[in-house]
Amino acid sequence: MARRVAGAASLRAPRRSPTTQLSGPWLRPQGRRPASPSTPRARHAKRARWSRSALVALLVVVVLVLVGTLQLARPLPVPLARTVLARSSTIPGVISPIPWPVQGQGAVAVPALGMVLASGAEQPVPVASLTKIMTAYIVLRDHPLAPGAQGPAVVINASDQTETYEEVDANDSSIPVQVGEVLSERQLLDGLLVHSANNFGDVLARWDAGSVGVFVAKMNAAAASLGMSETHYADSGGIDPRSVSTALDELRVATAAMSIPTFAAVVAQPKITLPVAGTLMNYVGQVGSDGVVGVKSGFTQAAMGCLVLAAQRRIGGHRVEVMAAVTGQPGLHPLDAAARATLPLIGATVVSLRSVPVTPRSRRVATVTTPWSSTVVAGTTTSTPSMVVWPGDTVRRSMRWAQLRGGAPAGTRLGTMEVTVGSERLEVPVRSESPIPGPSLLWRLWRF
């Protein structure tokens, strides 16, 4: 039997708990061991975390590139252009006194300006051969003719010749014709307007409309369309005293007719030559002198002396056509009296006309600003155009802007300023006085 040795119990190693950790480098802790970074599971987790980060970064880069590309591809906004010159202005001044005829009616006009003045309240009166202005206007409207062309041929028949004899017996103005004679449209117009042939008016009326009555209806319709509210025609030549009008209405039809080059060419002739009649002088003896370029005279006992004149004058380097008309001028020589009354009307009208600059040279007329810069670029005109004006006229200005994008160098055409006075119109280029700055890359990327 073994002997118990005293104190042996103290030498027995105590029982350790599973969680008890002993110190010492040779001892390892008991329980679950942590994963080592070098284990396969740790390496897998690390790769997963890196993949997610790389994907996020890649997506960010793609989005930034896409947004930047779209921003750079967006069209630039149009620079804002404004006009700083007044859009309209009134011409100052006083109209010079006009020596209206003591008897009868008078009127003046400057067609380019749309200006018309009359001597007073007008009443329709016989206007004699001024009627032929409308006859020629209708013929050329229905049968256009170039100024140097002769146009279609018209054969004179027995009725035309008989009518001519009757007009000669009545002491009405006419031109001799023969049966079978061939006259062109231009020759008939020459005789109608230059030598005031009543028989040519009826020949043209029947050639155009089939009968004089139908043609006269067309004349009255045209008068209404031209605003000739005080005019009524009863024949094609003006012999009938029921063919009535006013000085102002006659300027309306004369203005329309003079806008037709062939009409203007016909009435500007001091004389004409026809196959049978030979050389014939213009009854408007003023044509060809003192700038007078037409248009028509007229006389009957009922109408007395009537005259419409068109004259060209130089105003500040501009050629301007001025027109005047008178009716009912009495005297032993009514046509001379009409001329003495008409020419002063033209002269007095010219006195009130003047040439003025309508845009200032090298002065700011517009400004241009951009959304990406605070710089204000001036737009200036490079010339000083002028126009003929009448006191009280309104000068109107408007801009037609060019399509600008981004920056532009100095001298770039910003647009065109359109200036109108009456029916006159001109265009003035407007250019940038200094460079228009372009947008920066940063602005293009960060704009909203």
Protein backbone atom coordinates (compact mmCIF):
# COMPACT_ATOMS: atom_id res chain seq x y z
CA MET A 1 0.00 0.00 0.00
CA ALA A 2 1.35 3.11 -1.13
CA ARG A 3 2.18 5.78 1.36
CA ARG A 4 0.62 9.14 0.88
CA VAL A 5 3.11 11.76 0.75
CA ALA A 6 2.15 14.93 2.51
CA GLY A 7 1.49 17.88 0.14
CA ALA A 8 1.18 15.71 -2.87
CA ALA A 9 -2.19 17.27 -3.69
CA SER A 10 -0.60 20.62 -4.25
CA LEU A 11 1.64 19.17 -6.90
CA ARG A 12 -1.29 17.90 -9.04
CA ALA A 13 -2.02 20.07 -12.06
CA PRO A 14 -5.39 21.75 -11.82
CA ARG A 15 -8.10 20.91 -14.45
CA ARG A 16 -8.37 23.69 -17.01
CA SER A 17 -11.51 25.10 -18.39
CA PRO A 18 -11.81 24.91 -22.20
CA THR A 19 -11.80 28.68 -22.42
CA THR A 20 -8.91 29.21 -20.10
CA GLN A 21 -5.96 30.70 -21.89
CA LEU A 22 -2.48 30.05 -20.65
CA SER A 23 0.28 32.38 -21.26
CA GLY A 24 3.39 31.38 -22.88
CA PRO A 25 4.63 31.28 -26.35
CA TRP A 26 4.39 27.51 -26.51
CA LEU A 27 0.75 27.48 -25.58
CA ARG A 28 -2.11 28.20 -28.09
CA PRO A 29 -5.51 29.46 -27.07
CA GLN A 30 -8.25 26.90 -27.02
CA GLY A 31 -11.62 27.30 -28.86
CA ARG A 32 -12.31 28.89 -32.45
CA ARG A 33 -9.24 30.16 -34.18
CA PRO A 34 -9.45 33.48 -36.26
CA ALA A 35 -9.07 33.25 -40.05
CA SER A 36 -5.66 34.07 -41.26
CA PRO A 37 -5.31 36.66 -44.07
CA SER A 38 -3.55 34.04 -45.99
CA THR A 39 -6.43 31.64 -45.99
CA PRO A 40 -8.50 31.11 -49.18
CA ARG A 41 -11.65 32.57 -47.61
CA ALA A 42 -9.90 35.83 -46.67
CA ARG A 43 -8.37 36.19 -50.05
CA HIS A 44 -11.81 35.72 -51.69
CA ALA A 45 -13.43 38.38 -49.48
CA LYS A 46 -10.66 40.83 -50.25
CA ARG A 47 -11.06 40.27 -53.98
CA ALA A 48 -14.83 40.79 -53.73
CA ARG A 49 -14.38 44.08 -51.91
CA TRP A 50 -11.88 45.26 -54.54
CA SER A 51 -14.19 44.28 -57.42
CA ARG A 52 -17.09 46.28 -56.00
CA SER A 53 -14.94 49.38 -55.56
CA ALA A 54 -13.51 49.10 -59.06
CA LEU A 55 -16.99 48.72 -60.55
CA VAL A 56 -18.28 51.80 -58.73
CA ALA A 57 -15.26 53.81 -59.87
CA LEU A 58 -15.71 52.64 -63.45
CA LEU A 59 -19.38 53.60 -63.43
CA VAL A 60 -18.53 57.04 -62.10
CA VAL A 61 -15.97 57.55 -64.85
CA VAL A 62 -18.41 56.38 -67.54
CA VAL A 63 -21.13 58.71 -66.25
CA LEU A 64 -18.73 61.65 -66.12
CA VAL A 65 -17.50 60.99 -69.67
CA LEU A 66 -21.07 60.59 -70.96
CA VAL A 67 -22.29 63.76 -69.26
CA GLY A 68 -19.26 65.70 -70.47
CA THR A 69 -19.74 64.46 -74.02
CA LEU A 70 -23.41 65.40 -73.98
CA GLN A 71 -22.62 68.83 -72.56
CA LEU A 72 -20.01 69.51 -75.21
CA ALA A 73 -22.36 68.29 -77.93
CA ARG A 74 -25.21 70.57 -76.85
CA PRO A 75 -25.70 73.53 -79.22
CA LEU A 76 -24.59 76.83 -77.82
CA PRO A 77 -27.29 79.38 -77.04
CA VAL A 78 -27.69 82.25 -79.47
CA PRO A 79 -26.06 85.49 -78.31
CA LEU A 80 -28.61 88.12 -77.32
CA ALA A 81 -28.69 91.09 -79.72
CA ARG A 82 -30.58 94.28 -79.07
CA THR A 83 -31.18 97.43 -81.09
CA VAL A 84 -30.24 100.62 -79.27
CA LEU A 85 -31.13 103.01 -82.10
CA ALA A 86 -34.70 104.34 -82.07
CA ARG A 87 -37.00 102.13 -84.12
CA SER A 88 -38.75 105.14 -85.60
CA SER A 89 -38.29 108.88 -85.81
CA THR A 90 -40.21 111.76 -87.35
CA ILE A 91 -38.58 114.13 -89.82
CA PRO A 92 -38.80 117.69 -88.51
CA GLY A 93 -39.47 120.69 -90.69
CA VAL A 94 -42.20 122.79 -92.26
CA ILE A 95 -43.71 122.26 -95.69
CA SER A 96 -43.02 125.15 -98.02
CA PRO A 97 -46.11 126.96 -99.33
CA ILE A 98 -47.45 125.40 -102.52
CA PRO A 99 -48.90 127.77 -105.16
CA TRP A 100 -52.17 126.02 -105.85
CA PRO A 101 -54.04 127.15 -108.98
CA VAL A 102 -56.57 129.92 -108.44
CA GLN A 103 -59.16 128.03 -110.47
CA GLY A 104 -59.66 124.33 -110.93
CA GLN A 105 -57.90 121.68 -108.89
CA GLY A 106 -54.31 120.81 -108.17
CA ALA A 107 -52.42 117.95 -106.53
CA VAL A 108 -48.80 116.92 -106.03
CA ALA A 109 -47.16 113.60 -105.20
CA VAL A 110 -43.78 112.05 -104.52
CA PRO A 111 -44.55 108.39 -105.29
CA ALA A 112 -41.41 107.01 -103.64
CA LEU A 113 -42.42 108.58 -100.34
CA GLY A 114 -46.12 107.85 -100.65
CA MET A 115 -46.71 111.60 -100.25
CA VAL A 116 -49.77 113.23 -101.84
CA LEU A 117 -51.28 116.67 -101.30
CA ALA A 118 -54.34 118.25 -102.86
CA SER A 119 -55.43 121.86 -103.19
CA GLY A 120 -58.60 121.25 -101.23
CA ALA A 121 -61.85 119.34 -101.22
CA GLU A 122 -62.14 117.83 -104.67
CA GLN A 123 -65.18 117.31 -106.86
CA PRO A 124 -65.28 115.04 -109.90
CA VAL A 125 -64.92 117.06 -113.10
CA PRO A 126 -64.40 116.19 -116.77
CA VAL A 127 -60.74 115.38 -117.38
CA ALA A 128 -60.69 115.03 -121.18
CA SER A 129 -57.71 113.05 -122.51
CA LEU A 130 -56.30 112.32 -119.05
CA THR A 131 -58.72 109.41 -119.42
CA LYS A 132 -56.23 107.84 -121.82
CA ILE A 133 -53.81 107.20 -118.94
CA MET A 134 -56.21 104.57 -117.62
CA THR A 135 -56.78 103.18 -121.14
CA ALA A 136 -53.07 102.57 -121.61
CA TYR A 137 -52.73 101.19 -118.08
CA ILE A 138 -55.43 98.56 -118.76
CA VAL A 139 -53.92 97.55 -122.12
CA LEU A 140 -50.42 97.12 -120.67
CA ARG A 141 -51.79 95.29 -117.65
CA ASP A 142 -53.66 92.84 -119.88
CA HIS A 143 -50.99 92.67 -122.59
CA PRO A 144 -47.56 93.24 -120.99
CA LEU A 145 -44.96 94.62 -123.36
CA ALA A 146 -41.22 95.13 -122.98
CA PRO A 147 -40.07 98.74 -123.55
CA GLY A 148 -38.24 97.89 -126.76
CA ALA A 149 -40.81 95.47 -128.16
CA GLN A 150 -43.59 96.14 -130.66
CA GLY A 151 -45.99 93.47 -129.47
CA PRO A 152 -48.94 91.94 -131.34
CA ALA A 153 -50.17 93.41 -134.61
CA VAL A 154 -53.61 94.95 -135.02
CA VAL A 155 -55.19 95.38 -138.47
CA ILE A 156 -57.22 98.53 -139.09
CA ASN A 157 -60.66 97.76 -140.52
CA ALA A 158 -63.35 99.84 -142.22
CA SER A 159 -65.13 100.65 -138.94
CA ASP A 160 -61.90 102.03 -137.51
CA GLN A 161 -61.45 104.25 -140.54
CA THR A 162 -65.05 105.49 -140.46
CA GLU A 163 -64.73 106.38 -136.79
CA THR A 164 -61.58 108.32 -137.57
CA TYR A 165 -63.41 110.41 -140.18
CA GLU A 166 -66.17 111.17 -137.68
CA GLU A 167 -63.67 112.36 -135.09
CA VAL A 168 -61.93 114.57 -137.62
CA ASP A 169 -65.29 116.15 -138.50
CA ALA A 170 -65.97 116.73 -134.78
CA ASN A 171 -62.53 118.34 -134.38
CA ASP A 172 -61.51 115.66 -131.93
CA SER A 173 -57.88 114.63 -131.79
CA SER A 174 -57.18 111.59 -133.95
CA ILE A 175 -54.57 110.07 -136.23
CA PRO A 176 -55.31 109.18 -139.88
CA VAL A 177 -55.48 105.45 -140.65
CA GLN A 178 -56.17 103.29 -143.69
CA VAL A 179 -58.11 100.08 -144.05
CA GLY A 180 -55.69 97.17 -143.92
CA GLU A 181 -53.00 99.20 -142.16
CA VAL A 182 -51.12 97.11 -139.60
CA LEU A 183 -50.18 98.79 -136.35
CA SER A 184 -48.45 97.12 -133.43
CA GLU A 185 -49.54 97.41 -129.83
CA ARG A 186 -46.61 99.77 -129.21
CA GLN A 187 -47.51 102.00 -132.15
CA LEU A 188 -51.10 102.25 -130.98
CA LEU A 189 -49.91 103.19 -127.48
CA ASP A 190 -47.55 105.77 -128.97
CA GLY A 191 -50.41 107.41 -130.87
CA LEU A 192 -52.78 107.18 -127.90
CA LEU A 193 -50.48 108.81 -125.35
CA VAL A 194 -48.10 111.02 -127.35
CA HIS A 195 -50.53 112.45 -129.90
CA SER A 196 -53.74 111.78 -127.91
CA ALA A 197 -55.52 109.85 -130.68
CA ASN A 198 -59.09 109.11 -129.61
CA ASN A 199 -59.55 106.65 -132.47
CA PHE A 200 -56.55 104.65 -131.20
CA GLY A 201 -58.22 104.41 -127.79
CA ASP A 202 -61.25 102.71 -129.29
CA VAL A 203 -59.09 100.41 -131.47
CA LEU A 204 -57.19 99.27 -128.38
CA ALA A 205 -60.39 98.90 -126.35
CA ARG A 206 -62.00 96.60 -128.92
CA TRP A 207 -58.76 94.64 -129.37
CA ASP A 208 -58.46 94.10 -125.61
CA ALA A 209 -62.08 93.50 -124.53
CA GLY A 210 -64.10 92.92 -127.71
CA SER A 211 -66.10 96.14 -127.34
CA VAL A 212 -65.63 99.62 -125.98
CA GLY A 213 -68.41 99.10 -123.43
CA VAL A 214 -66.78 96.05 -121.88
CA PHE A 215 -63.44 97.82 -121.84
CA VAL A 216 -64.90 100.87 -120.05
CA ALA A 217 -66.28 98.54 -117.37
CA LYS A 218 -62.73 97.25 -116.86
CA MET A 219 -61.51 100.83 -116.54
CA ASN A 220 -63.98 101.58 -113.75
CA ALA A 221 -63.08 98.37 -111.94
CA ALA A 222 -59.40 99.30 -112.12
CA ALA A 223 -60.15 102.79 -110.82
CA ALA A 224 -61.87 101.31 -107.78
CA SER A 225 -58.92 99.00 -107.12
CA LEU A 226 -56.53 101.98 -107.23
CA GLY A 227 -58.58 103.93 -104.69
CA MET A 228 -59.90 106.43 -107.24
CA SER A 229 -63.15 106.99 -105.39
CA GLU A 230 -64.04 110.22 -107.25
CA THR A 231 -63.52 108.79 -110.75
CA HIS A 232 -65.95 107.38 -113.30
CA TYR A 233 -65.21 106.60 -116.95
CA ALA A 234 -67.72 106.69 -119.78
CA ASP A 235 -65.39 106.20 -122.75
CA SER A 236 -61.82 105.22 -123.58
CA GLY A 237 -60.59 108.63 -124.77
CA GLY A 238 -62.22 111.31 -122.62
CA ILE A 239 -64.34 113.04 -125.27
CA ASP A 240 -67.46 112.13 -123.29
CA PRO A 241 -67.88 114.76 -120.51
CA ARG A 242 -69.20 112.00 -118.26
CA SER A 243 -65.66 110.71 -117.92
CA VAL A 244 -64.86 112.53 -114.68
CA SER A 245 -62.10 112.45 -112.10
CA THR A 246 -60.05 114.69 -109.81
CA ALA A 247 -56.44 115.90 -109.84
CA LEU A 248 -55.62 113.62 -106.91
CA ASP A 249 -57.22 110.56 -108.52
CA GLU A 250 -55.33 111.24 -111.74
CA LEU A 251 -52.07 111.16 -109.80
CA ARG A 252 -53.07 107.74 -108.45
CA VAL A 253 -53.51 106.19 -111.88
CA ALA A 254 -50.50 108.06 -113.31
CA THR A 255 -48.32 106.72 -110.49
CA ALA A 256 -49.48 103.16 -111.21
CA ALA A 257 -48.95 103.60 -114.95
CA MET A 258 -45.48 105.19 -114.61
CA SER A 259 -44.37 102.12 -112.65
CA ILE A 260 -44.77 100.14 -115.90
CA PRO A 261 -41.50 100.61 -117.84
CA THR A 262 -43.16 100.59 -121.25
CA PHE A 263 -45.69 103.24 -120.28
CA ALA A 264 -42.88 105.43 -118.91
CA ALA A 265 -40.91 104.94 -122.13
CA VAL A 266 -43.89 105.91 -124.31
CA VAL A 267 -44.77 109.15 -122.51
CA ALA A 268 -41.10 110.24 -122.40
CA GLN A 269 -41.00 110.62 -126.21
CA PRO A 270 -41.11 114.19 -127.58
CA LYS A 271 -42.32 112.79 -130.91
CA ILE A 272 -43.27 109.57 -132.69
CA THR A 273 -43.38 108.24 -136.26
CA LEU A 274 -46.21 106.08 -137.65
CA PRO A 275 -46.49 104.34 -141.06
CA VAL A 276 -49.29 106.46 -142.54
CA ALA A 277 -49.41 109.55 -140.35
CA GLY A 278 -45.67 110.11 -140.32
CA THR A 279 -43.97 112.14 -137.57
CA LEU A 280 -46.21 113.49 -134.81
CA MET A 281 -45.27 115.72 -131.89
CA ASN A 282 -46.13 115.17 -128.25
CA TYR A 283 -48.97 117.40 -127.06
CA VAL A 284 -47.11 117.69 -123.75
CA GLY A 285 -44.52 120.14 -125.00
CA GLN A 286 -42.62 120.13 -121.70
CA VAL A 287 -41.47 116.53 -122.18
CA GLY A 288 -37.72 116.35 -122.67
CA SER A 289 -36.89 119.64 -120.97
CA ASP A 290 -36.33 120.68 -117.35
CA GLY A 291 -36.34 117.04 -116.26
CA VAL A 292 -39.95 116.45 -117.39
CA VAL A 293 -40.53 112.80 -118.39
CA GLY A 294 -44.29 112.80 -119.15
CA VAL A 295 -47.17 112.15 -118.75
CA LYS A 296 -50.41 113.48 -120.39
CA SER A 297 -52.45 116.55 -121.27
CA GLY A 298 -56.12 116.96 -122.06
CA PHE A 299 -58.54 119.56 -123.30
CA THR A 300 -62.23 119.83 -124.14
CA GLN A 301 -64.62 122.70 -123.71
CA ALA A 302 -66.16 120.88 -120.77
CA ALA A 303 -62.83 120.05 -119.11
CA MET A 304 -60.69 123.03 -120.14
CA GLY A 305 -56.95 122.62 -119.63
CA CYS A 306 -55.85 119.47 -117.78
CA LEU A 307 -52.32 118.23 -117.29
CA VAL A 308 -50.35 115.60 -115.40
CA LEU A 309 -46.58 116.05 -115.34
CA ALA A 310 -43.79 113.87 -113.96
CA ALA A 311 -40.36 115.40 -113.48
CA GLN A 312 -37.11 114.02 -112.11
CA ARG A 313 -35.05 116.08 -109.70
CA ARG A 314 -31.76 115.56 -107.83
CA ILE A 315 -32.03 115.80 -104.06
CA GLY A 316 -28.75 115.30 -102.22
CA GLY A 317 -27.44 112.89 -104.84
CA HIS A 318 -30.74 111.01 -105.12
CA ARG A 319 -32.91 111.05 -108.23
CA VAL A 320 -36.51 111.63 -107.24
CA GLU A 321 -39.64 111.68 -109.35
CA VAL A 322 -42.13 114.41 -108.48
CA MET A 323 -45.62 114.50 -110.01
CA ALA A 324 -48.24 117.22 -110.25
CA ALA A 325 -51.71 117.43 -111.78
CA VAL A 326 -54.16 120.22 -112.51
CA THR A 327 -57.68 120.24 -113.95
CA GLY A 328 -60.05 122.95 -115.19
CA GLN A 329 -57.48 125.58 -116.20
CA PRO A 330 -59.19 128.33 -118.21
CA GLY A 331 -57.90 130.84 -120.74
CA LEU A 332 -57.40 131.41 -124.44
CA HIS A 333 -54.77 128.67 -124.43
CA PRO A 334 -55.91 126.21 -121.74
CA LEU A 335 -53.02 123.76 -122.22
CA ASP A 336 -50.48 126.55 -121.76
CA ALA A 337 -52.38 127.69 -118.69
CA ALA A 338 -52.27 124.15 -117.34
CA ALA A 339 -48.49 124.02 -117.86
CA ARG A 340 -48.05 127.39 -116.10
CA ALA A 341 -50.00 126.04 -113.14
CA THR A 342 -48.32 122.62 -112.97
CA LEU A 343 -44.61 123.41 -113.16
CA PRO A 344 -44.64 125.70 -110.07
CA LEU A 345 -46.31 122.91 -108.10
CA ILE A 346 -43.37 120.65 -108.87
CA GLY A 347 -40.84 123.35 -107.99
CA ALA A 348 -42.48 124.15 -104.65
CA THR A 349 -42.68 120.47 -103.75
CA VAL A 350 -38.97 119.99 -104.42
CA VAL A 351 -38.12 122.81 -102.01
CA SER A 352 -39.56 120.83 -99.08
CA LEU A 353 -37.67 117.64 -99.96
CA ARG A 354 -34.27 116.99 -98.43
CA SER A 355 -31.77 114.18 -98.04
CA VAL A 356 -30.96 113.10 -94.49
CA PRO A 357 -28.80 110.30 -93.02
CA VAL A 358 -30.99 107.57 -91.64
CA THR A 359 -28.30 105.74 -89.62
CA PRO A 360 -25.23 107.24 -87.93
CA ARG A 361 -21.80 106.14 -89.13
CA SER A 362 -19.51 104.37 -86.63
CA ARG A 363 -22.05 104.76 -83.89
CA ARG A 364 -23.45 102.04 -81.69
CA VAL A 365 -26.80 100.96 -83.10
CA ALA A 366 -26.96 97.54 -81.43
CA THR A 367 -25.38 95.49 -78.64
CA VAL A 368 -24.58 91.79 -78.31
CA THR A 369 -24.22 89.88 -75.04
CA THR A 370 -23.64 86.18 -74.37
CA PRO A 371 -24.73 83.86 -71.51
CA TRP A 372 -21.10 82.92 -70.82
CA SER A 373 -19.58 86.39 -70.62
CA SER A 374 -20.37 89.79 -69.14
CA THR A 375 -18.74 91.53 -72.12
CA VAL A 376 -21.06 93.83 -74.09
CA VAL A 377 -20.09 94.03 -77.76
CA ALA A 378 -21.23 97.05 -79.77
CA GLY A 379 -22.74 96.73 -83.22
CA THR A 380 -22.04 99.68 -85.52
CA THR A 381 -22.83 100.75 -89.06
CA THR A 382 -19.92 101.19 -91.43
CA SER A 383 -21.64 103.70 -93.72
CA THR A 384 -23.98 106.67 -93.48
CA PRO A 385 -26.75 106.09 -96.04
CA SER A 386 -29.23 108.86 -96.70
CA MET A 387 -32.77 108.97 -98.02
CA VAL A 388 -35.00 111.66 -99.45
CA VAL A 389 -37.66 112.68 -96.93
CA TRP A 390 -40.59 115.02 -96.55
CA PRO A 391 -41.32 117.02 -93.38
CA GLY A 392 -43.41 114.86 -91.07
CA ASP A 393 -42.29 111.58 -92.65
CA THR A 394 -41.66 108.67 -90.32
CA VAL A 395 -38.37 106.83 -90.66
CA ARG A 396 -38.77 103.21 -89.54
CA ARG A 397 -35.90 100.89 -88.67
CA SER A 398 -35.88 97.17 -88.01
CA MET A 399 -33.13 94.57 -87.61
CA ARG A 400 -32.79 91.24 -89.35
CA TRP A 401 -30.28 89.39 -87.16
CA ALA A 402 -27.68 86.93 -88.38
CA GLN A 403 -27.51 83.48 -86.78
CA LEU A 404 -24.53 83.74 -84.45
CA ARG A 405 -23.10 80.79 -82.48
CA GLY A 406 -20.22 80.97 -80.04
CA GLY A 407 -17.49 83.57 -80.42
CA ALA A 408 -16.68 85.68 -83.46
CA PRO A 409 -13.93 88.10 -84.49
CA ALA A 410 -14.33 91.86 -84.71
CA GLY A 411 -16.11 92.98 -87.86
CA THR A 412 -18.49 90.03 -87.89
CA ARG A 413 -21.81 90.88 -89.53
CA LEU A 414 -24.39 90.87 -86.77
CA GLY A 415 -27.30 91.55 -89.07
CA THR A 416 -28.92 94.03 -91.42
CA MET A 417 -30.82 97.14 -90.47
CA GLU A 418 -33.77 97.80 -92.77
CA VAL A 419 -34.76 101.46 -93.06
CA THR A 420 -38.01 102.51 -94.74
CA VAL A 421 -39.52 105.88 -95.58
CA GLY A 422 -42.80 105.59 -97.45
CA SER A 423 -42.22 103.03 -100.19
CA GLU A 424 -38.45 103.60 -100.14
CA ARG A 425 -36.33 100.94 -98.45
CA LEU A 426 -32.63 100.39 -97.95
CA GLU A 427 -30.47 97.91 -96.05
CA VAL A 428 -27.50 98.82 -93.87
CA PRO A 429 -25.00 96.17 -92.61
CA VAL A 430 -24.32 96.14 -88.86
CA ARG A 431 -20.97 94.67 -87.71
CA SER A 432 -19.35 93.91 -84.36
CA GLU A 433 -16.97 96.60 -83.18
CA SER A 434 -14.86 94.15 -81.11
CA PRO A 435 -14.51 90.35 -80.83
CA ILE A 436 -17.38 88.36 -79.35
CA PRO A 437 -15.80 86.08 -76.70
CA GLY A 438 -16.43 82.36 -77.00
CA PRO A 439 -17.48 80.07 -74.12
CA SER A 440 -14.78 78.40 -72.00
CA LEU A 441 -14.55 74.61 -71.67
CA LEU A 442 -15.51 74.83 -68.01
CA TRP A 443 -18.64 76.84 -68.84
CA ARG A 444 -19.67 74.35 -71.51
CA LEU A 445 -19.23 71.42 -69.10
CA TRP A 446 -21.02 72.99 -66.12
CA ARG A 447 -23.85 74.91 -67.84
CA PHE A 448 -27.40 74.02 -66.97
